[in-house]
Amino acid sequence: MFRGFTQFVCDDCGHKFTGPDMEWMCTVYPAPVKCAKCGGWHTYPSGFHVCLPLGGLFGWNKRIYRRIWKSREETV
């Protein structure tokens, strides 16, 4: 489901950009989008700690998105 646009950060090159906010497999997590600078798919929303207040503090964003990236790479 399309929920608007959000800021993403590329884990590979650190580029920050705006992309479509599409839900990942009927969850609250935004699906990764392709980085406009390097073309990598290892991206995550920069402001995701708003949904999970302690997520940014404890690195949950990275752990969650590492599993999403792995799942995506296994199915593609």
PDB file of N, CA and C in Angstrom:
ATOM      1  N   MET A   1       0.838  -1.168   0.000  1.00  0.00           N
ATOM      2  CA  MET A   1       0.000   0.000   0.000  1.00  0.00           C
ATOM      3  C   MET A   1       0.894   1.246   0.000  1.00  0.00           C
ATOM      4  N   PHE A   2       0.544   2.203  -0.822  1.00  0.00           N
ATOM      5  CA  PHE A   2       1.287   3.461  -0.908  1.00  0.00           C
ATOM      6  C   PHE A   2       0.840   4.382   0.224  1.00  0.00           C
ATOM      7  N   ARG A   3       1.823   4.905   0.996  1.00  0.00           N
ATOM      8  CA  ARG A   3       1.509   5.768   2.140  1.00  0.00           C
ATOM      9  C   ARG A   3       2.065   7.176   1.997  1.00  0.00           C
ATOM     10  N   GLY A   4       2.592   7.518   0.850  1.00  0.00           N
ATOM     11  CA  GLY A   4       3.167   8.844   0.651  1.00  0.00           C
ATOM     12  C   GLY A   4       4.644   8.752   0.339  1.00  0.00           C
ATOM     13  N   PHE A   5       5.392   9.769   0.724  1.00  0.00           N
ATOM     14  CA  PHE A   5       6.832   9.800   0.480  1.00  0.00           C
ATOM     15  C   PHE A   5       7.572   9.987   1.802  1.00  0.00           C
ATOM     16  N   THR A   6       8.779   9.452   1.883  1.00  0.00           N
ATOM     17  CA  THR A   6       9.583   9.563   3.096  1.00  0.00           C
ATOM     18  C   THR A   6      11.057   9.693   2.730  1.00  0.00           C
ATOM     19  N   GLN A   7      11.859  10.097   3.687  1.00  0.00           N
ATOM     20  CA  GLN A   7      13.306  10.208   3.496  1.00  0.00           C
ATOM     21  C   GLN A   7      13.954   8.850   3.733  1.00  0.00           C
ATOM     22  N   PHE A   8      14.827   8.444   2.820  1.00  0.00           N
ATOM     23  CA  PHE A   8      15.566   7.192   2.947  1.00  0.00           C
ATOM     24  C   PHE A   8      17.054   7.484   3.028  1.00  0.00           C
ATOM     25  N   VAL A   9      17.796   6.544   3.612  1.00  0.00           N
ATOM     26  CA  VAL A   9      19.256   6.606   3.684  1.00  0.00           C
ATOM     27  C   VAL A   9      19.789   5.313   3.084  1.00  0.00           C
ATOM     28  N   CYS A  10      20.795   5.438   2.225  1.00  0.00           N
ATOM     29  CA  CYS A  10      21.434   4.264   1.642  1.00  0.00           C
ATOM     30  C   CYS A  10      22.506   3.764   2.607  1.00  0.00           C
ATOM     31  N   ASP A  11      22.452   2.487   2.942  1.00  0.00           N
ATOM     32  CA  ASP A  11      23.428   1.894   3.849  1.00  0.00           C
ATOM     33  C   ASP A  11      24.786   1.733   3.170  1.00  0.00           C
ATOM     34  N   ASP A  12      24.794   1.651   1.841  1.00  0.00           N
ATOM     35  CA  ASP A  12      26.041   1.461   1.100  1.00  0.00           C
ATOM     36  C   ASP A  12      26.844   2.758   0.951  1.00  0.00           C
ATOM     37  N   CYS A  13      26.163   3.844   0.516  1.00  0.00           N
ATOM     38  CA  CYS A  13      26.900   5.082   0.234  1.00  0.00           C
ATOM     39  C   CYS A  13      26.531   6.247   1.154  1.00  0.00           C
ATOM     40  N   GLY A  14      25.484   6.101   1.989  1.00  0.00           N
ATOM     41  CA  GLY A  14      25.094   7.161   2.913  1.00  0.00           C
ATOM     42  C   GLY A  14      24.243   8.258   2.305  1.00  0.00           C
ATOM     43  N   HIS A  15      23.871   8.112   1.033  1.00  0.00           N
ATOM     44  CA  HIS A  15      23.068   9.122   0.334  1.00  0.00           C
ATOM     45  C   HIS A  15      21.671   9.204   0.952  1.00  0.00           C
ATOM     46  N   LYS A  16      21.190  10.430   1.194  1.00  0.00           N
ATOM     47  CA  LYS A  16      19.845  10.651   1.713  1.00  0.00           C
ATOM     48  C   LYS A  16      18.980  11.160   0.569  1.00  0.00           C
ATOM     49  N   PHE A  17      17.797  10.574   0.411  1.00  0.00           N
ATOM     50  CA  PHE A  17      16.917  10.946  -0.693  1.00  0.00           C
ATOM     51  C   PHE A  17      15.464  10.659  -0.316  1.00  0.00           C
ATOM     52  N   THR A  18      14.549  11.234  -1.087  1.00  0.00           N
ATOM     53  CA  THR A  18      13.122  11.027  -0.882  1.00  0.00           C
ATOM     54  C   THR A  18      12.645   9.921  -1.806  1.00  0.00           C
ATOM     55  N   GLY A  19      11.846   9.010  -1.264  1.00  0.00           N
ATOM     56  CA  GLY A  19      11.313   7.910  -2.058  1.00  0.00           C
ATOM     57  C   GLY A  19       9.910   7.557  -1.618  1.00  0.00           C
ATOM     58  N   PRO A  20       9.228   6.732  -2.420  1.00  0.00           N
ATOM     59  CA  PRO A  20       7.860   6.340  -2.069  1.00  0.00           C
ATOM     60  C   PRO A  20       7.836   5.435  -0.842  1.00  0.00           C
ATOM     61  N   ASP A  21       6.878   5.669   0.015  1.00  0.00           N
ATOM     62  CA  ASP A  21       6.706   4.870   1.234  1.00  0.00           C
ATOM     63  C   ASP A  21       5.668   3.791   0.948  1.00  0.00           C
ATOM     64  N   MET A  22       6.152   2.598   0.612  1.00  0.00           N
ATOM     65  CA  MET A  22       5.286   1.443   0.347  1.00  0.00           C
ATOM     66  C   MET A  22       5.487   0.454   1.490  1.00  0.00           C
ATOM     67  N   GLU A  23       4.400  -0.118   1.989  1.00  0.00           N
ATOM     68  CA  GLU A  23       4.545  -1.043   3.115  1.00  0.00           C
ATOM     69  C   GLU A  23       5.214  -2.339   2.678  1.00  0.00           C
ATOM     70  N   TRP A  24       6.006  -2.913   3.579  1.00  0.00           N
ATOM     71  CA  TRP A  24       6.720  -4.166   3.323  1.00  0.00           C
ATOM     72  C   TRP A  24       5.895  -5.334   3.857  1.00  0.00           C
ATOM     73  N   MET A  25       5.338  -6.136   2.967  1.00  0.00           N
ATOM     74  CA  MET A  25       4.622  -7.377   3.300  1.00  0.00           C
ATOM     75  C   MET A  25       3.591  -7.179   4.417  1.00  0.00           C
ATOM     76  N   CYS A  26       2.737  -6.182   4.277  1.00  0.00           N
ATOM     77  CA  CYS A  26       1.650  -5.907   5.231  1.00  0.00           C
ATOM     78  C   CYS A  26       2.158  -5.632   6.647  1.00  0.00           C
ATOM     79  N   THR A  27       3.290  -4.944   6.757  1.00  0.00           N
ATOM     80  CA  THR A  27       3.823  -4.557   8.064  1.00  0.00           C
ATOM     81  C   THR A  27       3.918  -3.039   8.122  1.00  0.00           C
ATOM     82  N   VAL A  28       4.339  -2.518   9.245  1.00  0.00           N
ATOM     83  CA  VAL A  28       4.520  -1.081   9.413  1.00  0.00           C
ATOM     84  C   VAL A  28       5.804  -0.600   8.730  1.00  0.00           C
ATOM     85  N   TYR A  29       6.701  -1.524   8.377  1.00  0.00           N
ATOM     86  CA  TYR A  29       8.002  -1.158   7.820  1.00  0.00           C
ATOM     87  C   TYR A  29       7.904  -0.719   6.366  1.00  0.00           C
ATOM     88  N   PRO A  30       8.520   0.414   6.010  1.00  0.00           N
ATOM     89  CA  PRO A  30       8.576   0.821   4.602  1.00  0.00           C
ATOM     90  C   PRO A  30       9.509  -0.100   3.813  1.00  0.00           C
ATOM     91  N   ALA A  31       9.095  -0.459   2.614  1.00  0.00           N
ATOM     92  CA  ALA A  31       9.908  -1.320   1.752  1.00  0.00           C
ATOM     93  C   ALA A  31      11.146  -0.561   1.282  1.00  0.00           C
ATOM     94  N   PRO A  32      12.288  -1.242   1.173  1.00  0.00           N
ATOM     95  CA  PRO A  32      13.499  -0.594   0.654  1.00  0.00           C
ATOM     96  C   PRO A  32      13.278  -0.124  -0.785  1.00  0.00           C
ATOM     97  N   VAL A  33      13.874   0.999  -1.135  1.00  0.00           N
ATOM     98  CA  VAL A  33      13.814   1.518  -2.503  1.00  0.00           C
ATOM     99  C   VAL A  33      15.236   1.647  -3.039  1.00  0.00           C
ATOM    100  N   LYS A  34      15.356   1.696  -4.345  1.00  0.00           N
ATOM    101  CA  LYS A  34      16.667   1.771  -4.986  1.00  0.00           C
ATOM    102  C   LYS A  34      17.292   3.147  -4.772  1.00  0.00           C
ATOM    103  N   CYS A  35      18.561   3.159  -4.390  1.00  0.00           N
ATOM    104  CA  CYS A  35      19.291   4.409  -4.175  1.00  0.00           C
ATOM    105  C   CYS A  35      19.521   5.100  -5.515  1.00  0.00           C
ATOM    106  N   ALA A  36      19.233   6.384  -5.558  1.00  0.00           N
ATOM    107  CA  ALA A  36      19.402   7.147  -6.790  1.00  0.00           C
ATOM    108  C   ALA A  36      20.873   7.394  -7.118  1.00  0.00           C
ATOM    109  N   LYS A  37      21.742   7.346  -6.121  1.00  0.00           N
ATOM    110  CA  LYS A  37      23.160   7.653  -6.336  1.00  0.00           C
ATOM    111  C   LYS A  37      23.969   6.425  -6.750  1.00  0.00           C
ATOM    112  N   CYS A  38      23.874   5.332  -5.978  1.00  0.00           N
ATOM    113  CA  CYS A  38      24.716   4.157  -6.253  1.00  0.00           C
ATOM    114  C   CYS A  38      23.944   2.973  -6.831  1.00  0.00           C
ATOM    115  N   GLY A  39      22.611   3.025  -6.804  1.00  0.00           N
ATOM    116  CA  GLY A  39      21.811   1.937  -7.356  1.00  0.00           C
ATOM    117  C   GLY A  39      21.611   0.766  -6.413  1.00  0.00           C
ATOM    118  N   GLY A  40      22.062   0.887  -5.170  1.00  0.00           N
ATOM    119  CA  GLY A  40      21.910  -0.194  -4.197  1.00  0.00           C
ATOM    120  C   GLY A  40      20.504  -0.248  -3.624  1.00  0.00           C
ATOM    121  N   TRP A  41      20.123  -1.427  -3.151  1.00  0.00           N
ATOM    122  CA  TRP A  41      18.803  -1.623  -2.547  1.00  0.00           C
ATOM    123  C   TRP A  41      18.867  -1.656  -1.026  1.00  0.00           C
ATOM    124  N   HIS A  42      20.038  -1.489  -0.433  1.00  0.00           N
ATOM    125  CA  HIS A  42      20.168  -1.518   1.029  1.00  0.00           C
ATOM    126  C   HIS A  42      19.861  -0.131   1.590  1.00  0.00           C
ATOM    127  N   THR A  43      18.578   0.210   1.562  1.00  0.00           N
ATOM    128  CA  THR A  43      18.118   1.513   2.039  1.00  0.00           C
ATOM    129  C   THR A  43      17.102   1.313   3.153  1.00  0.00           C
ATOM    130  N   TYR A  44      16.999   2.310   4.009  1.00  0.00           N
ATOM    131  CA  TYR A  44      16.022   2.282   5.092  1.00  0.00           C
ATOM    132  C   TYR A  44      15.577   3.712   5.361  1.00  0.00           C
ATOM    133  N   PRO A  45      14.384   3.898   5.939  1.00  0.00           N
ATOM    134  CA  PRO A  45      13.893   5.250   6.201  1.00  0.00           C
ATOM    135  C   PRO A  45      14.714   5.940   7.285  1.00  0.00           C
ATOM    136  N   SER A  46      15.074   7.189   7.037  1.00  0.00           N
ATOM    137  CA  SER A  46      15.926   7.909   7.988  1.00  0.00           C
ATOM    138  C   SER A  46      15.190   8.272   9.263  1.00  0.00           C
ATOM    139  N   GLY A  47      13.900   8.472   9.208  1.00  0.00           N
ATOM    140  CA  GLY A  47      13.134   8.876  10.382  1.00  0.00           C
ATOM    141  C   GLY A  47      12.333   7.756  10.993  1.00  0.00           C
ATOM    142  N   PHE A  48      12.763   6.504  10.797  1.00  0.00           N
ATOM    143  CA  PHE A  48      11.972   5.375  11.266  1.00  0.00           C
ATOM    144  C   PHE A  48      11.913   5.297  12.784  1.00  0.00           C
ATOM    145  N   HIS A  49      12.835   5.941  13.482  1.00  0.00           N
ATOM    146  CA  HIS A  49      12.813   5.936  14.948  1.00  0.00           C
ATOM    147  C   HIS A  49      11.562   6.604  15.497  1.00  0.00           C
ATOM    148  N   VAL A  50      10.831   7.351  14.656  1.00  0.00           N
ATOM    149  CA  VAL A  50       9.580   7.964  15.093  1.00  0.00           C
ATOM    150  C   VAL A  50       8.550   6.871  15.386  1.00  0.00           C
ATOM    151  N   CYS A  51       8.537   5.809  14.550  1.00  0.00           N
ATOM    152  CA  CYS A  51       7.597   4.700  14.770  1.00  0.00           C
ATOM    153  C   CYS A  51       8.029   3.826  15.939  1.00  0.00           C
ATOM    154  N   LEU A  52       9.316   3.594  16.043  1.00  0.00           N
ATOM    155  CA  LEU A  52       9.864   2.809  17.149  1.00  0.00           C
ATOM    156  C   LEU A  52      10.794   3.731  17.930  1.00  0.00           C
ATOM    157  N   PRO A  53      10.304   4.389  18.980  1.00  0.00           N
ATOM    158  CA  PRO A  53      11.082   5.418  19.669  1.00  0.00           C
ATOM    159  C   PRO A  53      12.493   5.008  20.068  1.00  0.00           C
ATOM    160  N   LEU A  54      12.707   3.779  20.473  1.00  0.00           N
ATOM    161  CA  LEU A  54      14.045   3.353  20.874  1.00  0.00           C
ATOM    162  C   LEU A  54      14.779   2.631  19.748  1.00  0.00           C
ATOM    163  N   GLY A  55      14.133   2.508  18.586  1.00  0.00           N
ATOM    164  CA  GLY A  55      14.741   1.785  17.473  1.00  0.00           C
ATOM    165  C   GLY A  55      16.058   2.371  17.020  1.00  0.00           C
ATOM    166  N   GLY A  56      16.119   3.682  16.878  1.00  0.00           N
ATOM    167  CA  GLY A  56      17.364   4.314  16.461  1.00  0.00           C
ATOM    168  C   GLY A  56      18.444   4.214  17.521  1.00  0.00           C
ATOM    169  N   LEU A  57      18.043   4.256  18.788  1.00  0.00           N
ATOM    170  CA  LEU A  57      18.989   4.217  19.896  1.00  0.00           C
ATOM    171  C   LEU A  57      19.702   2.871  20.000  1.00  0.00           C
ATOM    172  N   PHE A  58      18.985   1.794  19.811  1.00  0.00           N
ATOM    173  CA  PHE A  58      19.562   0.458  19.973  1.00  0.00           C
ATOM    174  C   PHE A  58      19.938  -0.210  18.656  1.00  0.00           C
ATOM    175  N   GLY A  59      19.814   0.484  17.535  1.00  0.00           N
ATOM    176  CA  GLY A  59      20.185  -0.093  16.255  1.00  0.00           C
ATOM    177  C   GLY A  59      19.169  -1.080  15.700  1.00  0.00           C
ATOM    178  N   TRP A  60      17.922  -1.020  16.156  1.00  0.00           N
ATOM    179  CA  TRP A  60      16.906  -1.949  15.658  1.00  0.00           C
ATOM    180  C   TRP A  60      16.628  -1.724  14.190  1.00  0.00           C
ATOM    181  N   ASN A  61      16.729  -0.472  13.719  1.00  0.00           N
ATOM    182  CA  ASN A  61      16.506  -0.200  12.300  1.00  0.00           C
ATOM    183  C   ASN A  61      17.404  -1.070  11.446  1.00  0.00           C
ATOM    184  N   LYS A  62      18.681  -1.085  11.759  1.00  0.00           N
ATOM    185  CA  LYS A  62      19.647  -1.855  10.976  1.00  0.00           C
ATOM    186  C   LYS A  62      19.347  -3.340  11.050  1.00  0.00           C
ATOM    187  N   ARG A  63      19.037  -3.849  12.223  1.00  0.00           N
ATOM    188  CA  ARG A  63      18.755  -5.283  12.363  1.00  0.00           C
ATOM    189  C   ARG A  63      17.516  -5.680  11.574  1.00  0.00           C
ATOM    190  N   ILE A  64      16.481  -4.883  11.690  1.00  0.00           N
ATOM    191  CA  ILE A  64      15.237  -5.170  10.976  1.00  0.00           C
ATOM    192  C   ILE A  64      15.481  -5.115   9.476  1.00  0.00           C
ATOM    193  N   TYR A  65      16.147  -4.066   9.038  1.00  0.00           N
ATOM    194  CA  TYR A  65      16.358  -3.914   7.600  1.00  0.00           C
ATOM    195  C   TYR A  65      17.388  -4.886   7.045  1.00  0.00           C
ATOM    196  N   ARG A  66      18.318  -5.369   7.834  1.00  0.00           N
ATOM    197  CA  ARG A  66      19.225  -6.427   7.357  1.00  0.00           C
ATOM    198  C   ARG A  66      18.435  -7.689   7.041  1.00  0.00           C
ATOM    199  N   ARG A  67      17.451  -8.007   7.879  1.00  0.00           N
ATOM    200  CA  ARG A  67      16.600  -9.171   7.601  1.00  0.00           C
ATOM    201  C   ARG A  67      15.739  -8.941   6.365  1.00  0.00           C
ATOM    202  N   ILE A  68      15.222  -7.731   6.198  1.00  0.00           N
ATOM    203  CA  ILE A  68      14.422  -7.417   5.010  1.00  0.00           C
ATOM    204  C   ILE A  68      15.288  -7.521   3.762  1.00  0.00           C
ATOM    205  N   TRP A  69      16.517  -6.965   3.803  1.00  0.00           N
ATOM    206  CA  TRP A  69      17.409  -7.024   2.641  1.00  0.00           C
ATOM    207  C   TRP A  69      17.741  -8.466   2.292  1.00  0.00           C
ATOM    208  N   LYS A  70      18.008  -9.277   3.314  1.00  0.00           N
ATOM    209  CA  LYS A  70      18.348 -10.685   3.080  1.00  0.00           C
ATOM    210  C   LYS A  70      17.163 -11.421   2.460  1.00  0.00           C
ATOM    211  N   SER A  71      15.976 -11.189   2.993  1.00  0.00           N
ATOM    212  CA  SER A  71      14.771 -11.819   2.462  1.00  0.00           C
ATOM    213  C   SER A  71      14.538 -11.413   1.012  1.00  0.00           C
ATOM    214  N   ARG A  72      14.737 -10.149   0.723  1.00  0.00           N
ATOM    215  CA  ARG A  72      14.545  -9.647  -0.639  1.00  0.00           C
ATOM    216  C   ARG A  72      15.557 -10.262  -1.596  1.00  0.00           C
ATOM    217  N   GLU A  73      16.810 -10.367  -1.174  1.00  0.00           N
ATOM    218  CA  GLU A  73      17.858 -10.927  -2.032  1.00  0.00           C
ATOM    219  C   GLU A  73      17.642 -12.416  -2.288  1.00  0.00           C
ATOM    220  N   GLU A  74      17.066 -13.123  -1.327  1.00  0.00           N
ATOM    221  CA  GLU A  74      16.809 -14.551  -1.507  1.00  0.00           C
ATOM    222  C   GLU A  74      15.672 -14.812  -2.485  1.00  0.00           C
ATOM    223  N   THR A  75      14.721 -13.875  -2.589  1.00  0.00           N
ATOM    224  CA  THR A  75      13.571 -14.079  -3.470  1.00  0.00           C
ATOM    225  C   THR A  75      13.779 -13.515  -4.865  1.00  0.00           C
ATOM    226  N   VAL A  76      14.767 -12.663  -5.044  1.00  0.00           N
ATOM    227  CA  VAL A  76      14.979 -12.039  -6.368  1.00  0.00           C
ATOM    228  C   VAL A  76      15.895 -12.851  -7.207  1.00  0.00           C
TER     229      VAL A  76
END
